[in-house]
C-alpha atoms as a PDB file:
ATOM      1  CA  MET A   1      93.545 190.369  30.940  1.00  0.00           C
ATOM      2  CA  THR A   2      90.502 191.587  32.756  1.00  0.00           C
ATOM      3  CA  LEU A   3      89.942 193.841  35.637  1.00  0.00           C
ATOM      4  CA  TYR A   4      86.979 193.265  37.999  1.00  0.00           C
ATOM      5  CA  LEU A   5      85.526 195.263  40.918  1.00  0.00           C
ATOM      6  CA  ASP A   6      85.565 193.526  44.208  1.00  0.00           C
ATOM      7  CA  SER A   7      82.560 194.842  45.947  1.00  0.00           C
ATOM      8  CA  ALA A   8      78.806 194.514  46.577  1.00  0.00           C
ATOM      9  CA  ILE A   9      78.379 198.247  47.315  1.00  0.00           C
ATOM     10  CA  ILE A  10      75.892 199.526  44.695  1.00  0.00           C
ATOM     11  CA  SER A  11      77.345 203.076  44.616  1.00  0.00           C
ATOM     12  CA  GLU A  12      80.919 201.596  44.067  1.00  0.00           C
ATOM     13  CA  ALA A  13      79.565 199.335  41.109  1.00  0.00           C
ATOM     14  CA  GLU A  14      77.925 202.445  39.565  1.00  0.00           C
ATOM     15  CA  GLU A  15      81.300 204.416  39.713  1.00  0.00           C
ATOM     16  CA  ALA A  16      83.223 201.298  38.404  1.00  0.00           C
ATOM     17  CA  SER A  17      80.683 201.034  35.641  1.00  0.00           C
ATOM     18  CA  LEU A  18      81.339 204.742  34.547  1.00  0.00           C
ATOM     19  CA  MET A  19      85.068 203.928  34.199  1.00  0.00           C
ATOM     20  CA  GLY A  20      84.420 202.000  31.221  1.00  0.00           C
ATOM     21  CA  TRP A  21      87.353 199.516  31.639  1.00  0.00           C
ATOM     22  CA  VAL A  22      86.054 197.430  34.593  1.00  0.00           C
ATOM     23  CA  LYS A  23      84.623 194.472  33.192  1.00  0.00           C
ATOM     24  CA  GLY A  24      82.796 192.562  35.937  1.00  0.00           C
ATOM     25  CA  ILE A  25      82.091 192.397  39.592  1.00  0.00           C
ATOM     26  CA  THR A  26      83.210 189.779  42.221  1.00  0.00           C
ATOM     27  CA  THR A  27      81.546 189.342  45.600  1.00  0.00           C
ATOM     28  CA  ASN A  28      81.944 187.279  48.616  1.00  0.00           C
ATOM     29  CA  PRO A  29      79.848 186.670  51.665  1.00  0.00           C
ATOM     30  CA  THR A  30      81.616 189.473  53.745  1.00  0.00           C
ATOM     31  CA  LEU A  31      81.178 191.908  50.836  1.00  0.00           C
ATOM     32  CA  LEU A  32      77.507 191.019  50.471  1.00  0.00           C
ATOM     33  CA  ALA A  33      76.968 191.608  54.291  1.00  0.00           C
ATOM     34  CA  GLN A  34      78.142 195.264  53.723  1.00  0.00           C
ATOM     35  CA  SER A  35      75.271 195.917  51.365  1.00  0.00           C
ATOM     36  CA  ASP A  36      72.126 197.534  52.721  1.00  0.00           C
ATOM     37  CA  SER A  37      69.903 195.050  50.728  1.00  0.00           C
ATOM     38  CA  PRO A  38      69.350 191.337  50.843  1.00  0.00           C
ATOM     39  CA  PRO A  39      71.808 189.387  48.667  1.00  0.00           C
ATOM     40  CA  GLU A  40      69.125 188.591  46.139  1.00  0.00           C
ATOM     41  CA  THR A  41      68.363 192.269  45.683  1.00  0.00           C
ATOM     42  CA  THR A  42      72.071 193.232  45.644  1.00  0.00           C
ATOM     43  CA  LEU A  43      72.923 190.594  43.060  1.00  0.00           C
ATOM     44  CA  LYS A  44      70.090 191.778  40.725  1.00  0.00           C
ATOM     45  CA  LYS A  45      71.189 195.426  40.964  1.00  0.00           C
ATOM     46  CA  LEU A  46      74.899 194.414  40.346  1.00  0.00           C
ATOM     47  CA  VAL A  47      73.937 192.444  37.065  1.00  0.00           C
ATOM     48  CA  GLN A  48      72.280 195.630  35.771  1.00  0.00           C
ATOM     49  CA  LEU A  49      75.565 197.632  36.303  1.00  0.00           C
ATOM     50  CA  THR A  50      77.880 195.392  34.183  1.00  0.00           C
ATOM     51  CA  ASN A  51      77.838 193.390  30.915  1.00  0.00           C
ATOM     52  CA  GLY A  52      80.459 191.148  32.355  1.00  0.00           C
ATOM     53  CA  PRO A  53      80.374 188.367  34.904  1.00  0.00           C
ATOM     54  CA  VAL A  54      79.060 188.660  38.511  1.00  0.00           C
ATOM     55  CA  PHE A  55      80.685 186.302  40.881  1.00  0.00           C
ATOM     56  CA  TYR A  56      78.814 184.685  43.853  1.00  0.00           C
ATOM     57  CA  GLN A  57      80.451 182.635  46.561  1.00  0.00           C
ATOM     58  CA  LEU A  58      78.749 179.860  47.937  1.00  0.00           C
ATOM     59  CA  MET A  59      78.177 179.807  51.750  1.00  0.00           C
ATOM     60  CA  ALA A  60      76.859 176.282  52.237  1.00  0.00           C
ATOM     61  CA  THR A  61      79.231 173.410  53.136  1.00  0.00           C
ATOM     62  CA  ASP A  62      76.997 170.349  52.613  1.00  0.00           C
ATOM     63  CA  PHE A  63      77.275 168.890  49.140  1.00  0.00           C
ATOM     64  CA  ASP A  64      73.468 168.942  48.267  1.00  0.00           C
ATOM     65  CA  GLU A  65      73.124 172.337  49.800  1.00  0.00           C
ATOM     66  CA  MET A  66      75.908 173.793  47.743  1.00  0.00           C
ATOM     67  CA  LEU A  67      74.311 172.420  44.592  1.00  0.00           C
ATOM     68  CA  THR A  68      70.947 174.053  45.554  1.00  0.00           C
ATOM     69  CA  GLU A  69      72.628 177.302  46.559  1.00  0.00           C
ATOM     70  CA  GLY A  70      74.649 177.358  43.414  1.00  0.00           C
ATOM     71  CA  ARG A  71      71.649 176.767  41.145  1.00  0.00           C
ATOM     72  CA  LYS A  72      69.602 179.400  42.968  1.00  0.00           C
ATOM     73  CA  ALA A  73      72.419 181.939  42.483  1.00  0.00           C
ATOM     74  CA  SER A  74      72.456 181.191  38.656  1.00  0.00           C
ATOM     75  CA  GLU A  75      68.712 181.748  38.560  1.00  0.00           C
ATOM     76  CA  ILE A  76      69.144 185.180  40.105  1.00  0.00           C
ATOM     77  CA  ILE A  77      72.276 186.309  38.155  1.00  0.00           C
ATOM     78  CA  GLY A  78      71.367 184.499  34.848  1.00  0.00           C
ATOM     79  CA  SER A  79      74.010 184.131  32.000  1.00  0.00           C
ATOM     80  CA  GLN A  80      76.415 186.405  33.782  1.00  0.00           C
ATOM     81  CA  THR A  81      76.922 183.886  36.681  1.00  0.00           C
ATOM     82  CA  VAL A  82      80.367 182.848  37.793  1.00  0.00           C
ATOM     83  CA  LEU A  83      80.126 180.651  41.018  1.00  0.00           C
ATOM     84  CA  LYS A  84      82.860 180.891  43.574  1.00  0.00           C
ATOM     85  CA  ILE A  85      83.316 177.571  45.093  1.00  0.00           C
ATOM     86  CA  PRO A  86      85.715 177.143  48.034  1.00  0.00           C
ATOM     87  CA  ALA A  87      88.832 174.897  47.542  1.00  0.00           C
ATOM     88  CA  THR A  88      87.624 172.045  49.730  1.00  0.00           C
ATOM     89  CA  SER A  89      87.228 168.380  49.017  1.00  0.00           C
ATOM     90  CA  VAL A  90      83.403 168.837  48.902  1.00  0.00           C
ATOM     91  CA  GLY A  91      83.959 172.028  46.931  1.00  0.00           C
ATOM     92  CA  PHE A  92      85.757 170.260  44.124  1.00  0.00           C
ATOM     93  CA  GLN A  93      82.942 167.704  44.054  1.00  0.00           C
ATOM     94  CA  VAL A  94      80.366 170.610  43.585  1.00  0.00           C
ATOM     95  CA  VAL A  95      82.538 172.117  40.775  1.00  0.00           C
ATOM     96  CA  ALA A  96      82.638 168.746  38.864  1.00  0.00           C
ATOM     97  CA  ARG A  97      78.795 168.654  39.091  1.00  0.00           C
ATOM     98  CA  LEU A  98      77.895 172.124  38.404  1.00  0.00           C
ATOM     99  CA  SER A  99      80.533 173.103  35.933  1.00  0.00           C
ATOM    100  CA  VAL A 100      78.795 171.274  33.130  1.00  0.00           C
ATOM    101  CA  SER A 101      75.974 174.034  33.272  1.00  0.00           C
ATOM    102  CA  ILE A 102      77.228 176.933  35.143  1.00  0.00           C
ATOM    103  CA  THR A 103      80.645 178.607  34.975  1.00  0.00           C
ATOM    104  CA  CYS A 104      82.576 177.999  38.161  1.00  0.00           C
ATOM    105  CA  SER A 105      85.594 179.292  39.733  1.00  0.00           C
ATOM    106  CA  VAL A 106      87.430 177.854  42.722  1.00  0.00           C
ATOM    107  CA  THR A 107      88.425 180.410  45.497  1.00  0.00           C
ATOM    108  CA  ALA A 108      90.797 180.468  48.427  1.00  0.00           C
ATOM    109  CA  ILE A 109      93.506 178.252  46.553  1.00  0.00           C
ATOM    110  CA  TYR A 110      96.719 178.062  48.305  1.00  0.00           C
ATOM    111  CA  SER A 111      98.739 175.538  46.275  1.00  0.00           C
ATOM    112  CA  ALA A 112      99.538 174.721  42.768  1.00  0.00           C
ATOM    113  CA  SER A 113      98.166 171.152  43.232  1.00  0.00           C
ATOM    114  CA  GLN A 114      94.764 172.630  44.175  1.00  0.00           C
ATOM    115  CA  ALA A 115      94.885 174.556  40.926  1.00  0.00           C
ATOM    116  CA  ALA A 116      95.491 171.401  39.107  1.00  0.00           C
ATOM    117  CA  VAL A 117      92.507 169.726  40.758  1.00  0.00           C
ATOM    118  CA  ALA A 118      90.253 172.832  40.049  1.00  0.00           C
ATOM    119  CA  ARG A 119      91.206 172.442  36.409  1.00  0.00           C
ATOM    120  CA  GLU A 120      90.379 168.694  36.329  1.00  0.00           C
ATOM    121  CA  ALA A 121      86.960 169.470  37.993  1.00  0.00           C
ATOM    122  CA  GLY A 122      85.991 171.689  35.289  1.00  0.00           C
ATOM    123  CA  ALA A 123      86.729 175.140  36.807  1.00  0.00           C
ATOM    124  CA  LYS A 124      87.253 178.020  34.358  1.00  0.00           C
ATOM    125  CA  ILE A 125      88.854 180.214  36.771  1.00  0.00           C
ATOM    126  CA  VAL A 126      90.994 179.743  39.949  1.00  0.00           C
ATOM    127  CA  ILE A 127      91.317 182.395  42.521  1.00  0.00           C
ATOM    128  CA  VAL A 128      94.360 183.133  44.514  1.00  0.00           C
ATOM    129  CA  TYR A 129      94.559 185.635  47.529  1.00  0.00           C
ATOM    130  CA  VAL A 130      97.886 187.047  46.646  1.00  0.00           C
ATOM    131  CA  ASN A 131      98.680 189.246  49.553  1.00  0.00           C
ATOM    132  CA  ARG A 132      97.134 186.943  52.054  1.00  0.00           C
ATOM    133  CA  ALA A 133      99.222 184.022  50.590  1.00  0.00           C
ATOM    134  CA  THR A 134     102.439 186.167  51.063  1.00  0.00           C
ATOM    135  CA  ARG A 135     101.448 186.787  54.723  1.00  0.00           C
ATOM    136  CA  LEU A 136     100.486 183.174  55.404  1.00  0.00           C
ATOM    137  CA  LEU A 137     102.981 181.251  53.060  1.00  0.00           C
ATOM    138  CA  GLY A 138     105.813 183.868  52.520  1.00  0.00           C
ATOM    139  CA  ASP A 139     105.419 184.641  48.752  1.00  0.00           C
ATOM    140  CA  GLY A 140     101.919 185.041  47.037  1.00  0.00           C
ATOM    141  CA  ILE A 141     103.644 186.128  43.814  1.00  0.00           C
ATOM    142  CA  ALA A 142     105.615 182.782  43.772  1.00  0.00           C
ATOM    143  CA  LEU A 143     102.357 180.900  44.323  1.00  0.00           C
ATOM    144  CA  VAL A 144     100.780 182.775  41.247  1.00  0.00           C
ATOM    145  CA  ARG A 145     103.866 181.668  39.156  1.00  0.00           C
ATOM    146  CA  ASP A 146     103.550 178.052  40.384  1.00  0.00           C
ATOM    147  CA  MET A 147      99.932 178.006  39.588  1.00  0.00           C
ATOM    148  CA  ALA A 148     100.523 179.446  36.173  1.00  0.00           C
ATOM    149  CA  SER A 149     103.140 176.680  35.414  1.00  0.00           C
ATOM    150  CA  VAL A 150     100.712 173.860  36.432  1.00  0.00           C
ATOM    151  CA  LEU A 151      97.874 175.314  34.373  1.00  0.00           C
ATOM    152  CA  ARG A 152      99.920 176.186  31.170  1.00  0.00           C
ATOM    153  CA  GLY A 153      98.292 174.815  28.095  1.00  0.00           C
ATOM    154  CA  SER A 154      94.824 174.445  29.713  1.00  0.00           C
ATOM    155  CA  ASP A 155      91.685 176.676  29.549  1.00  0.00           C
ATOM    156  CA  THR A 156      91.630 177.433  33.246  1.00  0.00           C
ATOM    157  CA  GLU A 157      92.683 181.065  34.075  1.00  0.00           C
ATOM    158  CA  ILE A 158      94.076 182.621  37.266  1.00  0.00           C
ATOM    159  CA  LEU A 159      92.369 185.476  38.926  1.00  0.00           C
ATOM    160  CA  GLY A 160      94.385 187.476  41.467  1.00  0.00           C
ATOM    161  CA  ALA A 161      92.563 188.853  44.505  1.00  0.00           C
ATOM    162  CA  SER A 162      93.703 190.353  47.844  1.00  0.00           C
ATOM    163  CA  ILE A 163      95.922 192.802  46.082  1.00  0.00           C
ATOM    164  CA  LYS A 164      97.033 195.635  48.229  1.00  0.00           C
ATOM    165  CA  SER A 165      99.174 197.790  45.974  1.00  0.00           C
ATOM    166  CA  SER A 166      99.650 198.768  42.273  1.00  0.00           C
ATOM    167  CA  GLU A 167     103.076 197.022  42.334  1.00  0.00           C
ATOM    168  CA  GLU A 168     101.558 193.852  43.670  1.00  0.00           C
ATOM    169  CA  ALA A 169      98.840 194.086  41.010  1.00  0.00           C
ATOM    170  CA  ALA A 170     101.520 194.508  38.231  1.00  0.00           C
ATOM    171  CA  ALA A 171     103.679 191.611  39.771  1.00  0.00           C
ATOM    172  CA  SER A 172     100.727 189.298  39.812  1.00  0.00           C
ATOM    173  CA  LEU A 173     100.000 189.870  36.135  1.00  0.00           C
ATOM    174  CA  GLN A 174     103.797 189.402  35.297  1.00  0.00           C
ATOM    175  CA  ALA A 175     103.698 186.077  37.339  1.00  0.00           C
ATOM    176  CA  GLY A 176     100.806 184.662  35.288  1.00  0.00           C
ATOM    177  CA  ALA A 177      97.517 186.017  36.451  1.00  0.00           C
ATOM    178  CA  HIS A 178      95.054 186.431  33.644  1.00  0.00           C
ATOM    179  CA  HIS A 179      92.754 188.737  35.606  1.00  0.00           C
ATOM    180  CA  LEU A 180      92.644 190.834  38.823  1.00  0.00           C
ATOM    181  CA  THR A 181      89.838 191.696  41.168  1.00  0.00           C
ATOM    182  CA  LEU A 182      90.202 194.871  43.143  1.00  0.00           C
ATOM    183  CA  PRO A 183      88.495 197.269  45.532  1.00  0.00           C
ATOM    184  CA  LEU A 184      87.299 200.634  44.072  1.00  0.00           C
ATOM    185  CA  ALA A 185      90.301 202.442  45.725  1.00  0.00           C
ATOM    186  CA  MET A 186      92.835 200.041  44.205  1.00  0.00           C
ATOM    187  CA  LEU A 187      91.343 200.318  40.743  1.00  0.00           C
ATOM    188  CA  LYS A 188      91.725 204.032  40.858  1.00  0.00           C
ATOM    189  CA  ALA A 189      95.249 203.613  42.291  1.00  0.00           C
ATOM    190  CA  MET A 190      96.196 201.471  39.222  1.00  0.00           C
ATOM    191  CA  ALA A 191      95.047 204.231  36.869  1.00  0.00           C
ATOM    192  CA  THR A 192      97.156 207.021  38.423  1.00  0.00           C
ATOM    193  CA  HIS A 193     100.731 208.002  38.909  1.00  0.00           C
ATOM    194  CA  GLU A 194     102.076 211.262  40.235  1.00  0.00           C
ATOM    195  CA  LEU A 195     104.428 211.697  37.307  1.00  0.00           C
ATOM    196  CA  SER A 196     101.457 211.362  34.981  1.00  0.00           C
ATOM    197  CA  GLU A 197      99.679 214.062  36.787  1.00  0.00           C
ATOM    198  CA  LYS A 198     102.695 216.249  36.549  1.00  0.00           C
ATOM    199  CA  THR A 199     103.314 215.912  32.956  1.00  0.00           C
ATOM    200  CA  VAL A 200      99.661 216.650  32.207  1.00  0.00           C
ATOM    201  CA  GLU A 201     100.078 219.933  34.288  1.00  0.00           C
ATOM    202  CA  GLU A 202     103.110 220.736  32.145  1.00  0.00           C
ATOM    203  CA  PHE A 203     101.149 220.273  28.894  1.00  0.00           C
ATOM    204  CA  ALA A 204      98.313 222.425  30.240  1.00  0.00           C
ATOM    205  CA  LYS A 205     100.767 225.194  31.290  1.00  0.00           C
ATOM    206  CA  ASN A 206     102.997 225.281  28.124  1.00  0.00           C
ATOM    207  CA  GLY A 207     100.798 223.761  25.418  1.00  0.00           C
ATOM    208  CA  ILE A 208      97.862 224.680  23.118  1.00  0.00           C
ATOM    209  CA  GLY A 209      95.057 222.645  21.638  1.00  0.00           C
ATOM    210  CA  LEU A 210      91.621 222.817  20.087  1.00  0.00           C
ATOM    211  CA  LYS A 211      89.187 225.418  21.152  1.00  0.00           C
ATOM    212  CA  ILE A 212      86.052 223.754  22.753  1.00  0.00           C
END
């Protein structure tokens, strides 16, 4: 299991890097638009803040332009590149072409059958918008479960995105997601619980330890 930061804000990436347990960064066109710098500059800065993958989502929709954009992103990000390619007919063609030399993921998947196509096209990761799928389809966790069933025994892994609570994060992992990508606030929320804080306070009040 891997937890990623879902952000293109440099200050947030810096904070996530200091956590020590956030292992990569995912971006999308909306997140990159929130950065104060051009995408090329932002991506180069993000690469310096993680040893893990940096995900870049293609904006182009034409086959040849998508190939060009994907290769350009790979040149900028380097060996840490994971391309996010939309789950469209053209997108699957692009995955089949680029996955030979660049790690590819397929994003915005809303059916188990799309996950199967992504696997056959060569995608290493399939991305499911869990909460959004719940709002649009009725049950995002069930979708994760169905995708996990279809992908069982393959090397293609599931990345859960659009996670709105710690409970939804845990449920996604229980349903078969291998990884999660979360905003900084959600990463912090996953690491805390009010009872943990209360227990620590009790230890501090009643216990004794080494002098520092």
